[in-house]
Amino acid sequence: GILSGDDSPASSAILAPALPLPDRVRAIIVQGAAEDVGAWRRRPRSGIERFIAPASAPSDASGLGRAWQLCADTAAALDRALDVAAAHGLDAVVGRAETIAEAPLSARSASARLGSLSPTAPLYTAPRVPQVVWADRDAPVLETLLSLADLPAGSSTARGAALGSGSIPASLGARVLGPLSSRSSEIGDVERSLLRDTLRAVFRSDGQRGPAAASLGIHRNTLRDRLSRIERLTGRSLGDADDRAELWFALRLEEVANG
């Protein structure tokens, strides 16, 4: 009811007065095989995690299921919700952070990014590497390149000046990579270097997880865990073509900027 806008947060407070509602929330829609979604829905939950609801699945993907969950907009709550979804082999789209009263807006933003998820991979791909797509991610590198492409034909000098400016690569790379940026201090140097090397290995292997894991000398499960960490830190999905392009450009721009 809260996600659809049919019920207000006040009505939930009346039904469950002992349940504290967070100020800001995110709507999460999970997608996967219908039996996996069913198992996910049957899990014991407490607090706001109990706010789940079925969602319609595309009619052209037999056996596919979807469901909604309301989640507090905190790192701990989001990590827990996404870990549970991944444990059931479910992909997830995380909506924008909104106030509890504007939860339907978060749901709409998640719905708008559903097209980034494959409707068939959950049914036929094994082993599953669940995707996470964040509705509030931007595409600063692609937007900048597109804006340069729109310059008049005689503006090659302006294009060269813009692309050669040290400020553009540094700022755009940091915006995309977030804590993985070479200038960030949000995570330790060792972890940042490890995750950046992992990302490079995946790009060098054309996205193939097996060869990437082999080149790093690690197990595929370890690679999967690292990639999940990268997706959460950057708010980007390696299953989305635009997100992959952003991450690749961001790494290259930082390398050029840093010499």
Protein backbone atom coordinates (compact mmCIF):
# COMPACT_ATOMS: atom_id res chain seq x y z
CA GLY A 1 0.00 0.00 0.00
CA ILE A 2 2.75 2.51 0.85
CA LEU A 3 4.65 1.73 -2.37
CA SER A 4 1.57 2.17 -4.53
CA GLY A 5 0.40 5.27 -2.69
CA ASP A 6 -2.86 3.60 -1.66
CA ASP A 7 -1.91 3.69 2.03
CA SER A 8 -0.20 6.43 3.98
CA PRO A 9 2.62 5.93 6.49
CA ALA A 10 0.15 7.07 9.16
CA SER A 11 -2.11 4.09 8.48
CA SER A 12 0.84 1.71 8.96
CA ALA A 13 1.61 3.41 12.27
CA ILE A 14 -1.96 2.71 13.38
CA LEU A 15 -1.75 -0.96 12.38
CA ALA A 16 1.72 -1.42 13.89
CA PRO A 17 2.34 1.38 16.44
CA ALA A 18 5.51 -0.27 17.76
CA LEU A 19 7.12 -0.29 14.30
CA PRO A 20 9.44 2.72 13.81
CA LEU A 21 9.41 4.02 10.24
CA PRO A 22 12.63 5.55 8.85
CA ASP A 23 12.62 9.08 7.48
CA ARG A 24 14.02 8.01 4.11
CA VAL A 25 13.43 4.74 2.27
CA ARG A 26 14.15 2.99 -1.00
CA ALA A 27 11.84 0.71 -2.94
CA ILE A 28 13.59 -2.44 -4.16
CA ILE A 29 12.13 -4.69 -6.84
CA VAL A 30 13.58 -8.19 -7.10
CA GLN A 31 13.33 -10.39 -10.18
CA GLY A 32 14.11 -14.04 -10.81
CA ALA A 33 12.63 -17.49 -11.22
CA ALA A 34 9.13 -17.57 -9.72
CA GLU A 35 10.06 -20.30 -7.23
CA ASP A 36 13.08 -18.27 -6.06
CA VAL A 37 10.94 -15.17 -5.59
CA GLY A 38 8.46 -17.29 -3.64
CA ALA A 39 11.20 -18.59 -1.35
CA TRP A 40 12.46 -15.02 -0.88
CA ARG A 41 8.98 -13.86 0.14
CA ARG A 42 8.60 -16.67 2.68
CA ARG A 43 11.75 -15.71 4.60
CA PRO A 44 11.16 -14.56 8.20
CA ARG A 45 11.43 -10.78 8.49
CA SER A 46 11.18 -8.12 11.13
CA GLY A 47 10.66 -4.38 11.21
CA ILE A 48 10.22 -2.51 7.97
CA GLU A 49 11.64 -5.53 6.09
CA ARG A 50 8.16 -7.05 6.41
CA PHE A 51 6.85 -4.46 3.92
CA ILE A 52 6.93 -6.68 0.82
CA ALA A 53 4.41 -7.09 -1.98
CA PRO A 54 4.05 -9.06 -5.24
CA ALA A 55 4.69 -7.30 -8.53
CA SER A 56 3.56 -8.14 -12.03
CA ALA A 57 6.02 -10.08 -14.19
CA PRO A 58 6.36 -9.64 -17.98
CA SER A 59 3.89 -11.85 -19.84
CA ASP A 60 6.52 -12.94 -22.38
CA ALA A 61 8.83 -14.51 -19.78
CA SER A 62 7.14 -17.65 -18.45
CA GLY A 63 8.43 -18.64 -15.03
CA LEU A 64 9.71 -15.17 -14.13
CA GLY A 65 8.63 -13.59 -10.85
CA ARG A 66 8.94 -10.16 -9.26
CA ALA A 67 8.29 -8.68 -5.85
CA TRP A 68 8.72 -5.36 -4.02
CA GLN A 69 10.40 -4.56 -0.74
CA LEU A 70 10.56 -1.30 1.20
CA CYS A 71 13.98 -0.71 2.73
CA ALA A 72 15.44 1.95 5.00
CA ASP A 73 17.95 4.17 3.20
CA THR A 74 20.96 3.09 5.23
CA ALA A 75 24.04 1.18 4.09
CA ALA A 76 23.43 -1.61 6.59
CA ALA A 77 19.79 -2.10 5.61
CA LEU A 78 20.51 -2.00 1.88
CA ASP A 79 23.43 -4.42 2.19
CA ARG A 80 21.24 -6.81 4.15
CA ALA A 81 18.38 -6.62 1.65
CA LEU A 82 20.65 -7.13 -1.35
CA ASP A 83 22.53 -9.98 0.34
CA VAL A 84 19.23 -11.79 0.95
CA ALA A 85 18.13 -11.24 -2.66
CA ALA A 86 21.48 -12.51 -3.97
CA ALA A 87 21.28 -15.57 -1.69
CA HIS A 88 18.07 -16.49 -3.55
CA GLY A 89 19.62 -15.81 -6.96
CA LEU A 90 17.48 -12.73 -7.53
CA ASP A 91 18.38 -9.60 -9.48
CA ALA A 92 17.39 -6.29 -7.90
CA VAL A 93 16.67 -2.70 -8.90
CA VAL A 94 17.10 -0.17 -6.08
CA GLY A 95 14.91 2.91 -6.36
CA ARG A 96 15.94 6.46 -5.49
CA ALA A 97 16.00 7.51 -1.84
CA GLU A 98 12.78 9.30 -0.89
CA THR A 99 10.93 10.29 2.25
CA ILE A 100 8.56 7.63 3.57
CA ALA A 101 5.62 9.72 2.30
CA GLU A 102 7.12 9.75 -1.22
CA ALA A 103 7.86 6.03 -1.38
CA PRO A 104 5.80 5.66 -4.61
CA LEU A 105 8.34 7.92 -6.35
CA SER A 106 11.11 5.52 -5.35
CA ALA A 107 9.07 2.64 -6.75
CA ARG A 108 8.55 4.47 -10.02
CA SER A 109 12.27 5.16 -10.40
CA ALA A 110 13.00 1.45 -9.87
CA SER A 111 10.34 0.44 -12.40
CA ALA A 112 11.92 2.74 -14.97
CA ARG A 113 15.21 0.80 -14.74
CA LEU A 114 13.71 -2.69 -14.96
CA GLY A 115 14.68 -2.84 -18.63
CA SER A 116 18.33 -3.09 -17.53
CA LEU A 117 17.66 -6.58 -16.15
CA SER A 118 17.63 -9.63 -18.39
CA PRO A 119 14.22 -11.37 -18.39
CA THR A 120 15.80 -14.71 -19.31
CA ALA A 121 19.13 -14.92 -17.45
CA PRO A 122 17.50 -15.85 -14.10
CA LEU A 123 15.78 -18.79 -15.81
CA TYR A 124 18.59 -20.20 -17.93
CA THR A 125 21.96 -18.94 -16.68
CA ALA A 126 23.86 -21.04 -14.14
CA PRO A 127 25.63 -20.39 -11.91
CA ARG A 128 23.73 -17.17 -11.25
CA VAL A 129 25.56 -13.90 -10.74
CA PRO A 130 22.74 -11.64 -9.51
CA GLN A 131 22.61 -8.10 -10.89
CA VAL A 132 22.02 -4.95 -8.88
CA VAL A 133 20.88 -1.80 -10.71
CA TRP A 134 20.64 1.55 -8.92
CA ALA A 135 18.02 3.94 -10.25
CA ASP A 136 19.84 7.05 -9.05
CA ARG A 137 23.11 6.50 -10.81
CA ASP A 138 24.09 9.15 -13.40
CA ALA A 139 26.29 8.88 -16.50
CA PRO A 140 28.64 11.89 -16.38
CA VAL A 141 31.23 10.49 -18.83
CA LEU A 142 28.70 9.53 -21.47
CA GLU A 143 26.80 12.79 -21.00
CA THR A 144 30.03 14.78 -21.47
CA LEU A 145 30.99 12.85 -24.60
CA LEU A 146 27.52 13.31 -26.05
CA SER A 147 27.63 17.04 -25.33
CA LEU A 148 31.00 17.26 -27.13
CA ALA A 149 29.55 15.35 -30.07
CA ASP A 150 26.85 18.02 -30.33
CA LEU A 151 29.40 20.85 -30.82
CA PRO A 152 29.42 22.47 -34.29
CA ALA A 153 31.59 20.88 -36.97
CA GLY A 154 34.22 23.61 -36.68
CA SER A 155 34.71 23.13 -32.95
CA SER A 156 37.50 20.56 -33.07
CA THR A 157 39.74 22.92 -31.08
CA ALA A 158 37.11 23.19 -28.34
CA ARG A 159 36.72 19.42 -28.28
CA GLY A 160 40.46 18.92 -27.99
CA ALA A 161 40.74 21.49 -25.22
CA ALA A 162 37.89 19.90 -23.28
CA LEU A 163 39.21 16.36 -23.59
CA GLY A 164 42.76 17.45 -22.86
CA SER A 165 41.85 19.40 -19.73
CA GLY A 166 43.12 17.75 -16.58
CA SER A 167 40.06 18.86 -14.61
CA ILE A 168 37.58 16.90 -16.72
CA PRO A 169 39.19 13.46 -16.38
CA ALA A 170 39.81 13.90 -12.66
CA SER A 171 36.31 15.09 -11.83
CA LEU A 172 34.43 12.66 -14.07
CA GLY A 173 36.50 9.66 -13.05
CA ALA A 174 35.98 10.41 -9.37
CA ARG A 175 32.22 10.87 -9.84
CA VAL A 176 31.86 7.46 -11.50
CA LEU A 177 34.26 5.44 -9.37
CA GLY A 178 33.27 6.97 -6.04
CA PRO A 179 35.20 5.16 -3.28
CA LEU A 180 37.27 3.38 -5.98
CA SER A 181 38.64 6.70 -7.20
CA SER A 182 42.39 7.12 -6.82
CA ARG A 183 41.67 10.32 -4.87
CA SER A 184 39.16 8.78 -2.47
CA SER A 185 39.89 8.03 1.17
CA GLU A 186 36.58 6.26 1.89
CA ILE A 187 38.14 2.79 1.77
CA GLY A 188 41.67 1.60 2.44
CA ASP A 189 44.40 1.75 -0.21
CA VAL A 190 44.78 -2.04 -0.26
CA GLU A 191 41.09 -2.72 -0.86
CA ARG A 192 40.81 0.06 -3.43
CA SER A 193 43.78 -1.28 -5.39
CA LEU A 194 42.43 -4.83 -5.17
CA LEU A 195 39.00 -3.85 -6.49
CA ARG A 196 40.39 -1.67 -9.27
CA ASP A 197 42.66 -4.55 -10.41
CA THR A 198 39.63 -6.86 -10.34
CA LEU A 199 37.64 -4.46 -12.50
CA ARG A 200 40.49 -4.18 -15.00
CA ALA A 201 40.79 -7.97 -15.18
CA VAL A 202 37.10 -8.29 -16.03
CA PHE A 203 37.42 -5.69 -18.79
CA ARG A 204 40.54 -7.39 -20.19
CA SER A 205 38.62 -10.68 -20.25
CA ASP A 206 35.71 -9.12 -22.20
CA GLY A 207 33.44 -9.61 -19.20
CA GLN A 208 34.07 -13.36 -18.94
CA ARG A 209 34.20 -14.22 -15.26
CA GLY A 210 36.12 -17.51 -15.57
CA PRO A 211 39.15 -16.07 -17.44
CA ALA A 212 39.11 -12.99 -15.20
CA ALA A 213 39.23 -15.13 -12.04
CA ALA A 214 42.02 -17.25 -13.53
CA SER A 215 44.11 -14.20 -14.43
CA LEU A 216 43.78 -12.96 -10.84
CA GLY A 217 44.48 -16.39 -9.35
CA ILE A 218 41.22 -16.45 -7.39
CA HIS A 219 38.08 -18.61 -7.23
CA ARG A 220 35.02 -17.55 -9.24
CA ASN A 221 33.09 -17.08 -5.98
CA THR A 222 35.75 -14.68 -4.75
CA LEU A 223 35.50 -12.77 -8.02
CA ARG A 224 31.71 -12.66 -7.67
CA ASP A 225 32.01 -11.22 -4.15
CA ARG A 226 34.47 -8.57 -5.31
CA LEU A 227 32.26 -7.55 -8.23
CA SER A 228 29.26 -7.27 -5.91
CA ARG A 229 31.36 -5.02 -3.69
CA ILE A 230 32.34 -2.89 -6.70
CA GLU A 231 28.70 -2.55 -7.76
CA ARG A 232 27.65 -1.43 -4.30
CA LEU A 233 30.50 1.05 -3.87
CA THR A 234 29.99 2.64 -7.30
CA GLY A 235 26.20 2.28 -7.52
CA ARG A 236 26.62 0.74 -10.98
CA SER A 237 25.75 -2.65 -12.44
CA LEU A 238 28.28 -4.59 -14.49
CA GLY A 239 25.31 -6.16 -16.23
CA ASP A 240 24.29 -2.78 -17.69
CA ALA A 241 26.12 -1.70 -20.88
CA ASP A 242 26.04 2.02 -20.02
CA ASP A 243 27.36 1.35 -16.51
CA ARG A 244 30.19 -0.83 -17.85
CA ALA A 245 31.15 1.92 -20.32
CA GLU A 246 31.14 4.51 -17.53
CA LEU A 247 33.42 2.39 -15.33
CA TRP A 248 35.83 1.61 -18.17
CA PHE A 249 36.06 5.27 -19.24
CA ALA A 250 36.47 6.37 -15.63
CA LEU A 251 39.44 4.04 -15.09
CA ARG A 252 41.08 5.15 -18.34
CA LEU A 253 40.49 8.84 -17.65
CA GLU A 254 42.11 8.54 -14.22
CA GLU A 255 45.06 6.68 -15.70
CA VAL A 256 45.55 9.45 -18.28
CA ALA A 257 45.10 12.19 -15.68
CA ASN A 258 47.62 10.56 -13.33
CA GLY A 259 50.15 9.92 -16.10
